[in-house]
N, C-alpha and C. Protein backbone atom coordinates (compact mmCIF):
# COMPACT_ATOMS: atom_id res chain seq x y z
N MET A 1 -37.12 16.52 -67.21
CA MET A 1 -36.14 15.61 -67.79
C MET A 1 -34.73 16.14 -67.52
N ASP A 2 -33.87 15.24 -67.07
CA ASP A 2 -32.48 15.61 -66.79
C ASP A 2 -31.70 15.67 -68.09
N THR A 3 -31.10 16.83 -68.36
CA THR A 3 -30.32 16.99 -69.59
C THR A 3 -28.83 17.10 -69.30
N THR A 4 -28.43 16.76 -68.09
CA THR A 4 -27.02 16.80 -67.72
C THR A 4 -26.27 15.72 -68.49
N THR A 5 -25.17 16.09 -69.09
CA THR A 5 -24.35 15.12 -69.81
C THR A 5 -23.63 14.23 -68.80
N PRO A 6 -23.86 12.93 -68.86
CA PRO A 6 -23.18 12.03 -67.92
C PRO A 6 -21.67 12.06 -68.11
N SER A 7 -20.98 12.32 -67.02
CA SER A 7 -19.52 12.28 -66.97
C SER A 7 -19.17 12.01 -65.52
N LEU A 8 -17.94 11.64 -65.28
CA LEU A 8 -17.53 11.38 -63.90
C LEU A 8 -17.68 12.64 -63.04
N ALA A 9 -17.29 13.78 -63.56
CA ALA A 9 -17.41 15.04 -62.81
C ALA A 9 -18.88 15.35 -62.53
N ASN A 10 -19.74 15.15 -63.52
CA ASN A 10 -21.17 15.42 -63.31
C ASN A 10 -21.81 14.41 -62.37
N LEU A 11 -21.33 13.16 -62.38
CA LEU A 11 -21.83 12.17 -61.43
C LEU A 11 -21.49 12.61 -60.00
N PHE A 12 -20.28 13.05 -59.78
CA PHE A 12 -19.89 13.52 -58.46
C PHE A 12 -20.74 14.70 -58.03
N ALA A 13 -21.00 15.61 -58.94
CA ALA A 13 -21.86 16.76 -58.63
C ALA A 13 -23.27 16.27 -58.31
N GLN A 14 -23.78 15.33 -59.08
CA GLN A 14 -25.12 14.77 -58.86
C GLN A 14 -25.22 14.12 -57.47
N LEU A 15 -24.12 13.53 -57.02
CA LEU A 15 -24.08 12.87 -55.71
C LEU A 15 -23.78 13.85 -54.58
N GLY A 16 -23.58 15.12 -54.92
CA GLY A 16 -23.30 16.13 -53.90
C GLY A 16 -21.87 16.09 -53.40
N LEU A 17 -20.98 15.58 -54.23
CA LEU A 17 -19.56 15.47 -53.86
C LEU A 17 -18.76 16.48 -54.67
N GLY A 18 -17.57 16.80 -54.17
CA GLY A 18 -16.68 17.68 -54.91
C GLY A 18 -16.38 17.08 -56.27
N ASN A 19 -16.47 17.86 -57.33
CA ASN A 19 -16.33 17.29 -58.65
C ASN A 19 -15.15 17.85 -59.46
N LYS A 20 -14.23 18.48 -58.77
CA LYS A 20 -12.99 18.90 -59.43
C LYS A 20 -12.10 17.66 -59.53
N ARG A 21 -11.22 17.63 -60.53
CA ARG A 21 -10.40 16.43 -60.79
C ARG A 21 -9.66 15.98 -59.53
N ASN A 22 -9.04 16.91 -58.80
CA ASN A 22 -8.29 16.52 -57.60
C ASN A 22 -9.21 15.97 -56.51
N GLN A 23 -10.44 16.47 -56.42
CA GLN A 23 -11.40 15.97 -55.44
C GLN A 23 -11.86 14.55 -55.80
N ILE A 24 -12.08 14.32 -57.08
CA ILE A 24 -12.46 12.99 -57.54
C ILE A 24 -11.32 12.00 -57.28
N ASP A 25 -10.11 12.39 -57.63
CA ASP A 25 -8.94 11.53 -57.39
C ASP A 25 -8.79 11.20 -55.91
N GLN A 26 -8.98 12.20 -55.05
CA GLN A 26 -8.85 11.99 -53.61
C GLN A 26 -9.94 11.05 -53.11
N PHE A 27 -11.17 11.23 -53.58
CA PHE A 27 -12.27 10.35 -53.18
C PHE A 27 -11.95 8.91 -53.55
N ILE A 28 -11.48 8.70 -54.76
CA ILE A 28 -11.16 7.34 -55.22
C ILE A 28 -10.02 6.75 -54.40
N GLU A 29 -9.05 7.56 -54.07
CA GLU A 29 -7.93 7.09 -53.25
C GLU A 29 -8.39 6.71 -51.84
N ASP A 30 -9.32 7.48 -51.29
CA ASP A 30 -9.78 7.27 -49.91
C ASP A 30 -10.85 6.19 -49.76
N HIS A 31 -11.50 5.80 -50.84
CA HIS A 31 -12.63 4.87 -50.77
C HIS A 31 -12.40 3.69 -51.71
N LYS A 32 -12.13 2.56 -51.13
CA LYS A 32 -11.93 1.34 -51.92
C LYS A 32 -13.02 0.33 -51.56
N LEU A 33 -13.42 -0.44 -52.56
CA LEU A 33 -14.47 -1.44 -52.38
C LEU A 33 -13.92 -2.84 -52.59
N PRO A 34 -14.30 -3.78 -51.71
CA PRO A 34 -13.96 -5.18 -51.97
C PRO A 34 -14.72 -5.65 -53.21
N ALA A 35 -14.17 -6.60 -53.91
CA ALA A 35 -14.78 -7.12 -55.14
C ALA A 35 -16.20 -7.63 -54.91
N SER A 36 -16.50 -8.10 -53.72
CA SER A 36 -17.81 -8.70 -53.44
C SER A 36 -18.89 -7.67 -53.08
N THR A 37 -18.53 -6.41 -52.94
CA THR A 37 -19.50 -5.39 -52.54
C THR A 37 -20.00 -4.62 -53.75
N PRO A 38 -21.31 -4.70 -54.02
CA PRO A 38 -21.86 -3.89 -55.12
C PRO A 38 -21.69 -2.40 -54.81
N ILE A 39 -21.45 -1.62 -55.82
CA ILE A 39 -21.19 -0.19 -55.61
C ILE A 39 -22.34 0.49 -54.86
N ALA A 40 -23.56 0.10 -55.12
CA ALA A 40 -24.70 0.74 -54.46
C ALA A 40 -24.73 0.44 -52.96
N GLN A 41 -24.04 -0.61 -52.53
CA GLN A 41 -24.02 -0.98 -51.12
C GLN A 41 -22.78 -0.51 -50.38
N ALA A 42 -21.99 0.33 -51.02
CA ALA A 42 -20.76 0.84 -50.39
C ALA A 42 -21.10 1.57 -49.10
N TYR A 43 -20.27 1.41 -48.11
CA TYR A 43 -20.48 1.98 -46.78
C TYR A 43 -20.49 3.51 -46.78
N PHE A 44 -19.88 4.13 -47.77
CA PHE A 44 -19.69 5.58 -47.72
C PHE A 44 -20.81 6.38 -48.35
N TRP A 45 -21.82 5.75 -48.94
CA TRP A 45 -22.93 6.51 -49.51
C TRP A 45 -23.97 6.83 -48.46
N ASN A 46 -24.60 7.98 -48.56
CA ASN A 46 -25.75 8.26 -47.71
C ASN A 46 -26.99 7.70 -48.42
N HIS A 47 -28.13 7.83 -47.81
CA HIS A 47 -29.36 7.23 -48.36
C HIS A 47 -29.68 7.76 -49.76
N ALA A 48 -29.61 9.07 -49.94
CA ALA A 48 -29.95 9.67 -51.23
C ALA A 48 -28.97 9.24 -52.32
N GLN A 49 -27.68 9.19 -51.99
CA GLN A 49 -26.68 8.77 -52.96
C GLN A 49 -26.91 7.31 -53.35
N ARG A 50 -27.14 6.47 -52.36
CA ARG A 50 -27.40 5.04 -52.61
C ARG A 50 -28.62 4.88 -53.51
N HIS A 51 -29.68 5.62 -53.22
CA HIS A 51 -30.91 5.54 -54.00
C HIS A 51 -30.65 5.94 -55.46
N PHE A 52 -29.94 7.03 -55.67
CA PHE A 52 -29.63 7.47 -57.02
C PHE A 52 -28.85 6.40 -57.78
N ILE A 53 -27.86 5.83 -57.15
CA ILE A 53 -27.04 4.80 -57.80
C ILE A 53 -27.87 3.57 -58.12
N GLU A 54 -28.66 3.11 -57.15
CA GLU A 54 -29.50 1.92 -57.38
C GLU A 54 -30.49 2.15 -58.52
N GLU A 55 -31.17 3.29 -58.50
CA GLU A 55 -32.17 3.58 -59.53
C GLU A 55 -31.52 3.75 -60.91
N SER A 56 -30.39 4.40 -60.95
CA SER A 56 -29.69 4.61 -62.22
C SER A 56 -29.25 3.28 -62.82
N LEU A 57 -28.74 2.38 -61.98
CA LEU A 57 -28.32 1.08 -62.48
C LEU A 57 -29.52 0.23 -62.90
N LYS A 58 -30.60 0.32 -62.15
CA LYS A 58 -31.81 -0.44 -62.48
C LYS A 58 -32.39 0.02 -63.82
N GLU A 59 -32.38 1.32 -64.06
CA GLU A 59 -32.90 1.87 -65.31
C GLU A 59 -31.96 1.60 -66.49
N ASP A 60 -30.70 1.28 -66.19
CA ASP A 60 -29.69 1.05 -67.21
C ASP A 60 -29.65 2.21 -68.20
N GLY A 61 -29.73 3.42 -67.64
CA GLY A 61 -29.76 4.63 -68.46
C GLY A 61 -28.38 5.22 -68.65
N ALA A 62 -28.39 6.49 -68.96
CA ALA A 62 -27.16 7.21 -69.29
C ALA A 62 -26.14 7.20 -68.14
N TRP A 63 -26.64 7.26 -66.91
CA TRP A 63 -25.71 7.32 -65.78
C TRP A 63 -25.05 5.97 -65.47
N SER A 64 -25.67 4.89 -65.91
CA SER A 64 -25.16 3.57 -65.52
C SER A 64 -23.74 3.32 -66.03
N GLU A 65 -23.40 3.80 -67.21
CA GLU A 65 -22.03 3.62 -67.72
C GLU A 65 -21.02 4.36 -66.85
N ILE A 66 -21.38 5.55 -66.42
CA ILE A 66 -20.47 6.35 -65.58
C ILE A 66 -20.36 5.72 -64.19
N ILE A 67 -21.46 5.21 -63.67
CA ILE A 67 -21.42 4.52 -62.38
C ILE A 67 -20.55 3.28 -62.49
N ASP A 68 -20.65 2.55 -63.60
CA ASP A 68 -19.79 1.39 -63.81
C ASP A 68 -18.32 1.81 -63.88
N GLU A 69 -18.05 2.95 -64.49
CA GLU A 69 -16.68 3.47 -64.53
C GLU A 69 -16.17 3.76 -63.13
N LEU A 70 -17.01 4.43 -62.33
CA LEU A 70 -16.62 4.72 -60.95
C LEU A 70 -16.41 3.43 -60.17
N ASP A 71 -17.29 2.47 -60.37
CA ASP A 71 -17.16 1.17 -59.71
C ASP A 71 -15.79 0.56 -59.99
N SER A 72 -15.41 0.59 -61.23
CA SER A 72 -14.12 0.04 -61.62
C SER A 72 -12.96 0.81 -60.97
N LEU A 73 -13.07 2.12 -60.88
CA LEU A 73 -12.01 2.92 -60.26
C LEU A 73 -11.90 2.69 -58.76
N LEU A 74 -12.98 2.27 -58.14
CA LEU A 74 -12.98 2.04 -56.69
C LEU A 74 -12.44 0.67 -56.30
N ARG A 75 -12.14 -0.17 -57.26
CA ARG A 75 -11.66 -1.54 -56.96
C ARG A 75 -10.16 -1.58 -56.88
């Protein structure tokens, strides 16, 4: 069972991305999504990242709120 507390920094770590505040800010600045593109279908995810996002949203679990937050920041 995953006991990681969902947060934006922990989501980035879970996705294998830099999770320091400046790295998160830079990622958001460099990656923007059109309104019509679901976050799980973003061009910049690899297969494992996409799978984690899709499964987390489907389960509507603890990570889904943080993924929704990231989605909003990418728009």
